[in-house]
Amino acid sequence: MTLLERDREKIEEGREEAIKQLILKQYSKGLSIEYIAEINEFDVEYVRDIVKNNTPKINN
């Protein structure tokens, strides 16, 4: 892997993390998954997966 390829990979990882954090912040503020998908032009399933896989589960 060249330095350029490594840098591009790191940039892409950073973008993905930023998108994930954006979605989780909007969800934590009470926005619905459907609304988050609509305003950010993401697929609803993509948003749902991020929320599902990054929201702490509460055991009752």
Protein backbone atom coordinates (compact mmCIF):
# COMPACT_ATOMS: atom_id res chain seq x y z
CA MET A 1 0.00 0.00 0.00
CA THR A 2 1.41 3.36 -0.97
CA LEU A 3 1.32 6.39 1.29
CA LEU A 4 -1.31 7.97 -0.96
CA GLU A 5 -3.53 4.88 -0.72
CA ARG A 6 -3.11 4.79 3.05
CA ASP A 7 -3.99 8.48 3.31
CA ARG A 8 -7.09 8.01 1.14
CA GLU A 9 -8.16 5.08 3.31
CA LYS A 10 -7.75 7.15 6.49
CA ILE A 11 -9.73 10.03 4.96
CA GLU A 12 -12.55 7.64 4.05
CA GLU A 13 -12.54 6.17 7.57
CA GLY A 14 -12.77 9.69 8.96
CA ARG A 15 -15.72 10.52 6.72
CA GLU A 16 -17.53 7.35 7.76
CA GLU A 17 -16.97 8.13 11.45
CA ALA A 18 -18.19 11.71 10.98
CA ILE A 19 -21.37 10.49 9.27
CA LYS A 20 -21.96 7.96 12.05
CA GLN A 21 -21.53 10.64 14.71
CA LEU A 22 -23.87 13.01 12.83
CA ILE A 23 -26.59 10.36 12.65
CA LEU A 24 -26.21 9.39 16.32
CA LYS A 25 -26.30 13.04 17.45
CA GLN A 26 -29.45 13.73 15.44
CA TYR A 27 -31.06 10.56 16.79
CA SER A 28 -30.13 11.48 20.37
CA LYS A 29 -31.87 14.84 19.85
CA GLY A 30 -35.10 13.03 19.07
CA LEU A 31 -35.12 13.01 15.27
CA SER A 32 -36.69 9.92 13.75
CA ILE A 33 -34.66 7.51 11.69
CA GLU A 34 -36.80 8.30 8.66
CA TYR A 35 -36.31 12.06 9.07
CA ILE A 36 -32.54 11.68 9.54
CA ALA A 37 -32.40 9.63 6.34
CA GLU A 38 -34.48 12.18 4.45
CA ILE A 39 -32.59 15.34 5.47
CA ASN A 40 -29.17 13.75 4.94
CA GLU A 41 -30.14 11.86 1.78
CA PHE A 42 -29.23 8.47 3.26
CA ASP A 43 -31.03 5.17 2.86
CA VAL A 44 -33.37 4.48 5.81
CA GLU A 45 -31.82 1.04 6.35
CA TYR A 46 -28.33 2.58 6.48
CA VAL A 47 -29.43 4.99 9.22
CA ARG A 48 -31.32 2.24 11.06
CA ASP A 49 -28.23 0.00 11.04
CA ILE A 50 -26.00 2.75 12.42
CA VAL A 51 -28.46 3.54 15.21
CA LYS A 52 -29.03 -0.14 16.01
CA ASN A 53 -25.32 -0.99 16.14
CA ASN A 54 -24.22 2.08 18.09
CA THR A 55 -26.95 2.67 20.65
CA PRO A 56 -26.42 1.15 24.10
CA LYS A 57 -28.85 -1.62 24.92
CA ILE A 58 -30.71 -1.44 28.23
CA ASN A 59 -31.40 -4.74 29.97
CA ASN A 60 -34.58 -4.83 32.05
